[in-house]
Amino acid sequence: VQLQASGGGLVQAGGSLRLSCAPSGRTGRMGWWRQAPGKEREWVATISLDGGSTGYLDSVKGRFFISRDNAKNAVLLQMNSLKPEDTAIYYCAARRRNLDYHSGNTGDYVYWGQGTEVTVSS
């Protein structure tokens, strides 16, 4: 399974961006991770197969929203009120097929997208 991520770019603080990720096949739970320069990769948000269960990193709660676009078989991450500390490479990730519970461990996600850069200027 391949994950095709798109979106990202340069935005001023307070602005918004939307990321999209489309898998080439069936997967389990999906989510977005990010890695800032000099820091470890961290999970940002995950969503269940039916979209009914979501999880968010505390620092993005109320600002980022993850959802599914079933018509396009894509997972979206709407990022609002962006802050300079949100600057990072964002990665789409997915668990194996039928594994649908949340995990914040990178090792539990076997499919990864190519990464898309998000830069928030102050």
N, C-alpha and C. Protein backbone atom coordinates (compact mmCIF):
# COMPACT_ATOMS: atom_id res chain seq x y z
N VAL A 1 0.84 -1.18 0.00
CA VAL A 1 0.00 0.00 0.00
C VAL A 1 0.88 1.24 0.00
N GLN A 2 0.55 2.16 -0.86
CA GLN A 2 1.27 3.44 -0.88
C GLN A 2 0.34 4.55 -0.43
N LEU A 3 0.90 5.53 0.26
CA LEU A 3 0.14 6.67 0.73
C LEU A 3 0.61 7.91 -0.01
N GLN A 4 -0.31 8.57 -0.68
CA GLN A 4 0.01 9.77 -1.44
C GLN A 4 -0.48 10.98 -0.68
N ALA A 5 0.45 11.77 -0.16
CA ALA A 5 0.10 12.95 0.61
C ALA A 5 0.22 14.21 -0.24
N SER A 6 -0.63 15.18 0.05
CA SER A 6 -0.57 16.46 -0.65
C SER A 6 -1.01 17.56 0.29
N GLY A 7 -0.77 18.78 -0.12
CA GLY A 7 -1.08 19.94 0.71
C GLY A 7 0.19 20.49 1.30
N GLY A 8 0.06 21.25 2.35
CA GLY A 8 1.24 21.85 2.95
C GLY A 8 1.63 23.13 2.24
N GLY A 9 2.69 23.75 2.73
CA GLY A 9 3.16 24.99 2.14
C GLY A 9 3.56 25.99 3.19
N LEU A 10 3.64 27.24 2.78
CA LEU A 10 4.05 28.33 3.67
C LEU A 10 2.83 29.18 4.00
N VAL A 11 2.66 29.46 5.29
CA VAL A 11 1.52 30.25 5.73
C VAL A 11 1.94 31.12 6.91
N GLN A 12 1.27 32.24 7.08
CA GLN A 12 1.56 33.09 8.23
C GLN A 12 0.85 32.54 9.47
N ALA A 13 1.38 32.88 10.62
CA ALA A 13 0.76 32.47 11.88
C ALA A 13 -0.70 32.93 11.91
N GLY A 14 -1.55 32.02 12.37
CA GLY A 14 -2.97 32.29 12.39
C GLY A 14 -3.71 31.80 11.17
N GLY A 15 -2.96 31.41 10.16
CA GLY A 15 -3.56 30.95 8.92
C GLY A 15 -3.96 29.48 8.97
N SER A 16 -4.42 28.98 7.84
CA SER A 16 -4.91 27.60 7.75
C SER A 16 -4.30 26.88 6.55
N LEU A 17 -4.20 25.58 6.69
CA LEU A 17 -3.77 24.70 5.60
C LEU A 17 -4.55 23.40 5.72
N ARG A 18 -4.65 22.69 4.61
CA ARG A 18 -5.29 21.39 4.63
C ARG A 18 -4.40 20.37 3.95
N LEU A 19 -4.19 19.27 4.63
CA LEU A 19 -3.41 18.16 4.08
C LEU A 19 -4.36 17.04 3.69
N SER A 20 -3.96 16.29 2.67
CA SER A 20 -4.76 15.17 2.20
C SER A 20 -3.87 13.96 1.99
N CYS A 21 -4.42 12.78 2.27
CA CYS A 21 -3.66 11.55 2.10
C CYS A 21 -4.57 10.50 1.52
N ALA A 22 -4.15 9.90 0.41
CA ALA A 22 -4.95 8.88 -0.24
C ALA A 22 -4.17 7.58 -0.31
N PRO A 23 -4.68 6.52 0.30
CA PRO A 23 -4.02 5.22 0.22
C PRO A 23 -4.36 4.50 -1.08
N SER A 24 -3.42 3.68 -1.54
CA SER A 24 -3.64 2.95 -2.78
C SER A 24 -4.40 1.65 -2.56
N GLY A 25 -4.55 1.26 -1.28
CA GLY A 25 -5.24 0.04 -0.95
C GLY A 25 -5.86 0.13 0.44
N ARG A 26 -6.35 -0.99 0.91
CA ARG A 26 -7.00 -0.98 2.22
C ARG A 26 -5.97 -0.98 3.34
N THR A 27 -6.27 -0.18 4.37
CA THR A 27 -5.39 -0.09 5.52
C THR A 27 -6.23 -0.15 6.78
N GLY A 28 -5.54 -0.06 7.91
CA GLY A 28 -6.23 0.10 9.18
C GLY A 28 -6.35 1.58 9.51
N ARG A 29 -6.30 1.86 10.79
CA ARG A 29 -6.40 3.25 11.24
C ARG A 29 -5.34 4.10 10.58
N MET A 30 -5.69 5.33 10.28
CA MET A 30 -4.75 6.24 9.63
C MET A 30 -4.54 7.49 10.49
N GLY A 31 -3.47 8.19 10.17
CA GLY A 31 -3.21 9.40 10.94
C GLY A 31 -2.13 10.25 10.33
N TRP A 32 -1.86 11.35 10.99
CA TRP A 32 -0.82 12.27 10.59
C TRP A 32 0.21 12.40 11.71
N TRP A 33 1.45 12.43 11.32
CA TRP A 33 2.57 12.62 12.21
C TRP A 33 3.37 13.83 11.70
N ARG A 34 4.23 14.33 12.54
CA ARG A 34 5.10 15.41 12.10
C ARG A 34 6.47 15.31 12.75
N GLN A 35 7.45 15.88 12.06
CA GLN A 35 8.80 15.90 12.59
C GLN A 35 9.41 17.25 12.31
N ALA A 36 9.71 17.97 13.37
CA ALA A 36 10.36 19.26 13.26
C ALA A 36 11.88 19.07 13.28
N PRO A 37 12.63 20.01 12.75
CA PRO A 37 14.09 19.88 12.72
C PRO A 37 14.66 19.64 14.12
N GLY A 38 15.48 18.62 14.24
CA GLY A 38 16.11 18.32 15.50
C GLY A 38 15.23 17.65 16.54
N LYS A 39 14.01 17.30 16.15
CA LYS A 39 13.09 16.68 17.10
C LYS A 39 12.65 15.31 16.60
N GLU A 40 12.11 14.52 17.53
CA GLU A 40 11.60 13.21 17.15
C GLU A 40 10.24 13.35 16.45
N ARG A 41 9.93 12.35 15.66
CA ARG A 41 8.63 12.33 15.01
C ARG A 41 7.54 12.12 16.07
N GLU A 42 6.45 12.87 15.98
CA GLU A 42 5.37 12.76 16.93
C GLU A 42 4.03 12.64 16.21
N TRP A 43 3.12 11.92 16.85
CA TRP A 43 1.82 11.78 16.21
C TRP A 43 1.01 13.06 16.45
N VAL A 44 0.17 13.39 15.49
CA VAL A 44 -0.62 14.61 15.55
C VAL A 44 -2.09 14.29 15.70
N ALA A 45 -2.57 13.37 14.87
CA ALA A 45 -3.99 13.01 14.91
C ALA A 45 -4.17 11.66 14.22
N THR A 46 -5.13 10.89 14.72
CA THR A 46 -5.46 9.63 14.06
C THR A 46 -6.97 9.52 13.94
N ILE A 47 -7.41 8.65 13.02
CA ILE A 47 -8.84 8.47 12.78
C ILE A 47 -9.12 7.02 12.46
N SER A 48 -10.26 6.53 12.95
CA SER A 48 -10.64 5.15 12.74
C SER A 48 -11.14 4.93 11.31
N LEU A 49 -11.35 3.68 10.98
CA LEU A 49 -11.78 3.32 9.63
C LEU A 49 -13.12 3.95 9.26
N ASP A 50 -14.03 4.03 10.23
CA ASP A 50 -15.34 4.61 9.94
C ASP A 50 -15.41 6.09 10.26
N GLY A 51 -14.31 6.65 10.73
CA GLY A 51 -14.28 8.07 11.05
C GLY A 51 -14.91 8.44 12.36
N GLY A 52 -15.41 7.44 13.08
CA GLY A 52 -16.13 7.74 14.31
C GLY A 52 -15.25 7.98 15.52
N SER A 53 -14.01 7.60 15.42
CA SER A 53 -13.07 7.76 16.54
C SER A 53 -11.86 8.54 16.07
N THR A 54 -11.53 9.58 16.81
CA THR A 54 -10.36 10.38 16.49
C THR A 54 -9.52 10.61 17.74
N GLY A 55 -8.27 10.92 17.53
CA GLY A 55 -7.38 11.26 18.63
C GLY A 55 -6.48 12.39 18.21
N TYR A 56 -6.17 13.27 19.15
CA TYR A 56 -5.35 14.44 18.84
C TYR A 56 -4.27 14.65 19.88
N LEU A 57 -3.13 15.11 19.40
CA LEU A 57 -2.07 15.58 20.28
C LEU A 57 -2.62 16.79 21.04
N ASP A 58 -2.31 16.89 22.32
CA ASP A 58 -2.88 17.96 23.13
C ASP A 58 -2.65 19.35 22.55
N SER A 59 -1.48 19.58 22.00
CA SER A 59 -1.14 20.92 21.52
C SER A 59 -1.90 21.33 20.26
N VAL A 60 -2.59 20.38 19.62
CA VAL A 60 -3.34 20.74 18.40
C VAL A 60 -4.85 20.64 18.59
N LYS A 61 -5.28 20.18 19.76
CA LYS A 61 -6.72 20.05 20.02
C LYS A 61 -7.42 21.39 19.86
N GLY A 62 -8.54 21.36 19.16
CA GLY A 62 -9.30 22.58 18.93
C GLY A 62 -8.81 23.40 17.76
N ARG A 63 -7.66 23.04 17.20
CA ARG A 63 -7.12 23.76 16.04
C ARG A 63 -7.03 22.87 14.80
N PHE A 64 -6.69 21.61 15.00
CA PHE A 64 -6.57 20.66 13.90
C PHE A 64 -7.76 19.70 13.93
N PHE A 65 -8.20 19.32 12.74
CA PHE A 65 -9.33 18.41 12.65
C PHE A 65 -9.06 17.37 11.56
N ILE A 66 -9.14 16.11 11.94
CA ILE A 66 -8.90 15.02 11.01
C ILE A 66 -10.25 14.44 10.59
N SER A 67 -10.37 14.09 9.31
CA SER A 67 -11.63 13.55 8.82
C SER A 67 -11.37 12.66 7.62
N ARG A 68 -12.40 11.96 7.21
CA ARG A 68 -12.31 11.09 6.04
C ARG A 68 -13.21 11.63 4.92
N ASP A 69 -12.69 11.57 3.72
CA ASP A 69 -13.47 11.89 2.52
C ASP A 69 -13.66 10.57 1.79
N ASN A 70 -14.77 9.92 2.09
CA ASN A 70 -14.99 8.57 1.54
C ASN A 70 -15.10 8.58 0.02
N ALA A 71 -15.63 9.66 -0.53
CA ALA A 71 -15.77 9.73 -1.99
C ALA A 71 -14.41 9.69 -2.68
N LYS A 72 -13.41 10.26 -2.01
CA LYS A 72 -12.06 10.29 -2.59
C LYS A 72 -11.13 9.30 -1.91
N ASN A 73 -11.68 8.52 -0.97
CA ASN A 73 -10.86 7.56 -0.23
C ASN A 73 -9.64 8.26 0.35
N ALA A 74 -9.87 9.38 0.99
CA ALA A 74 -8.75 10.17 1.51
C ALA A 74 -8.97 10.53 2.97
N VAL A 75 -7.89 10.78 3.66
CA VAL A 75 -7.92 11.29 5.02
C VAL A 75 -7.40 12.73 4.98
N LEU A 76 -8.15 13.63 5.57
CA LEU A 76 -7.82 15.05 5.53
C LEU A 76 -7.39 15.53 6.90
N LEU A 77 -6.50 16.50 6.92
CA LEU A 77 -6.14 17.17 8.16
C LEU A 77 -6.29 18.66 7.93
N GLN A 78 -7.32 19.22 8.52
CA GLN A 78 -7.54 20.66 8.45
C GLN A 78 -6.82 21.32 9.61
N MET A 79 -5.91 22.21 9.31
CA MET A 79 -5.09 22.86 10.33
C MET A 79 -5.42 24.34 10.37
N ASN A 80 -5.97 24.78 11.47
CA ASN A 80 -6.36 26.18 11.65
C ASN A 80 -5.53 26.83 12.74
N SER A 81 -5.56 28.13 12.77
CA SER A 81 -4.83 28.89 13.80
C SER A 81 -3.40 28.39 13.94
N LEU A 82 -2.75 28.25 12.83
CA LEU A 82 -1.40 27.68 12.83
C LEU A 82 -0.42 28.58 13.58
N LYS A 83 0.52 27.92 14.23
CA LYS A 83 1.55 28.60 15.02
C LYS A 83 2.93 28.26 14.46
N PRO A 84 3.92 29.09 14.70
CA PRO A 84 5.28 28.77 14.22
C PRO A 84 5.76 27.40 14.71
N GLU A 85 5.34 27.00 15.91
CA GLU A 85 5.77 25.70 16.43
C GLU A 85 5.11 24.52 15.73
N ASP A 86 4.18 24.78 14.83
CA ASP A 86 3.61 23.72 14.01
C ASP A 86 4.47 23.41 12.78
N THR A 87 5.49 24.23 12.57
CA THR A 87 6.38 24.02 11.43
C THR A 87 7.06 22.66 11.53
N ALA A 88 6.94 21.85 10.47
CA ALA A 88 7.49 20.50 10.47
C ALA A 88 7.23 19.85 9.11
N ILE A 89 7.83 18.68 8.94
CA ILE A 89 7.45 17.81 7.84
C ILE A 89 6.30 16.95 8.36
N TYR A 90 5.19 16.94 7.66
CA TYR A 90 4.03 16.16 8.06
C TYR A 90 3.95 14.89 7.23
N TYR A 91 3.74 13.78 7.93
CA TYR A 91 3.68 12.47 7.29
C TYR A 91 2.32 11.82 7.51
N CYS A 92 1.80 11.26 6.46
CA CYS A 92 0.61 10.44 6.57
C CYS A 92 1.06 9.02 6.90
N ALA A 93 0.32 8.34 7.76
CA ALA A 93 0.69 6.99 8.15
C ALA A 93 -0.56 6.12 8.32
N ALA A 94 -0.37 4.83 8.20
CA ALA A 94 -1.49 3.91 8.35
C ALA A 94 -1.04 2.61 8.99
N ARG A 95 -1.96 2.02 9.74
CA ARG A 95 -1.72 0.73 10.35
C ARG A 95 -2.12 -0.36 9.37
N ARG A 96 -1.75 -1.58 9.70
CA ARG A 96 -2.13 -2.70 8.86
C ARG A 96 -3.66 -2.81 8.81
N ARG A 97 -4.10 -3.42 7.74
CA ARG A 97 -5.52 -3.63 7.52
C ARG A 97 -6.17 -4.26 8.74
N ASN A 98 -7.30 -3.72 9.14
CA ASN A 98 -8.13 -4.21 10.24
C ASN A 98 -7.61 -3.84 11.62
N LEU A 99 -6.46 -3.19 11.74
CA LEU A 99 -6.01 -2.68 13.03
C LEU A 99 -6.53 -1.26 13.16
N ASP A 100 -7.53 -1.08 13.99
CA ASP A 100 -8.28 0.16 13.98
C ASP A 100 -8.19 0.96 15.28
N TYR A 101 -7.43 0.48 16.27
CA TYR A 101 -7.39 1.25 17.51
C TYR A 101 -6.22 2.22 17.47
N HIS A 102 -6.34 3.28 18.26
CA HIS A 102 -5.33 4.33 18.25
C HIS A 102 -4.01 3.84 18.85
N SER A 103 -2.95 4.28 18.27
CA SER A 103 -1.62 4.07 18.82
C SER A 103 -0.79 5.30 18.52
N GLY A 104 0.04 5.68 19.47
CA GLY A 104 0.95 6.80 19.29
C GLY A 104 2.38 6.34 19.03
N ASN A 105 2.56 5.06 18.75
CA ASN A 105 3.88 4.51 18.50
C ASN A 105 4.16 4.41 17.01
N THR A 106 5.27 4.96 16.58
CA THR A 106 5.60 4.93 15.15
C THR A 106 5.69 3.51 14.63
N GLY A 107 6.15 2.58 15.46
CA GLY A 107 6.32 1.20 15.03
C GLY A 107 5.04 0.48 14.70
N ASP A 108 3.92 1.02 15.17
CA ASP A 108 2.63 0.41 14.90
C ASP A 108 2.05 0.82 13.55
N TYR A 109 2.70 1.75 12.88
CA TYR A 109 2.25 2.22 11.57
C TYR A 109 3.23 1.72 10.52
N VAL A 110 2.75 0.89 9.63
CA VAL A 110 3.63 0.23 8.67
C VAL A 110 3.66 0.90 7.31
N TYR A 111 2.70 1.76 7.05
CA TYR A 111 2.65 2.46 5.77
C TYR A 111 2.86 3.96 6.04
N TRP A 112 3.77 4.56 5.26
CA TRP A 112 4.09 5.98 5.44
C TRP A 112 4.11 6.69 4.11
N GLY A 113 3.59 7.91 4.11
CA GLY A 113 3.65 8.75 2.93
C GLY A 113 5.01 9.43 2.83
N GLN A 114 5.19 10.21 1.78
CA GLN A 114 6.49 10.79 1.50
C GLN A 114 6.78 12.04 2.31
N GLY A 115 5.82 12.57 3.02
CA GLY A 115 6.05 13.78 3.81
C GLY A 115 5.76 15.03 3.01
N THR A 116 5.14 15.98 3.67
CA THR A 116 4.88 17.27 3.04
C THR A 116 5.24 18.37 4.05
N GLU A 117 5.88 19.41 3.55
CA GLU A 117 6.42 20.43 4.44
C GLU A 117 5.39 21.50 4.76
N VAL A 118 5.31 21.83 6.03
CA VAL A 118 4.46 22.91 6.51
C VAL A 118 5.35 23.91 7.23
N THR A 119 5.32 25.15 6.77
CA THR A 119 6.11 26.21 7.38
C THR A 119 5.18 27.34 7.79
N VAL A 120 5.24 27.70 9.07
CA VAL A 120 4.41 28.77 9.60
C VAL A 120 5.32 29.90 10.03
N SER A 121 5.15 31.03 9.39
CA SER A 121 5.99 32.19 9.70
C SER A 121 5.32 33.05 10.76
N SER A 122 6.15 33.68 11.58
CA SER A 122 5.61 34.52 12.67
C SER A 122 5.38 35.95 12.21
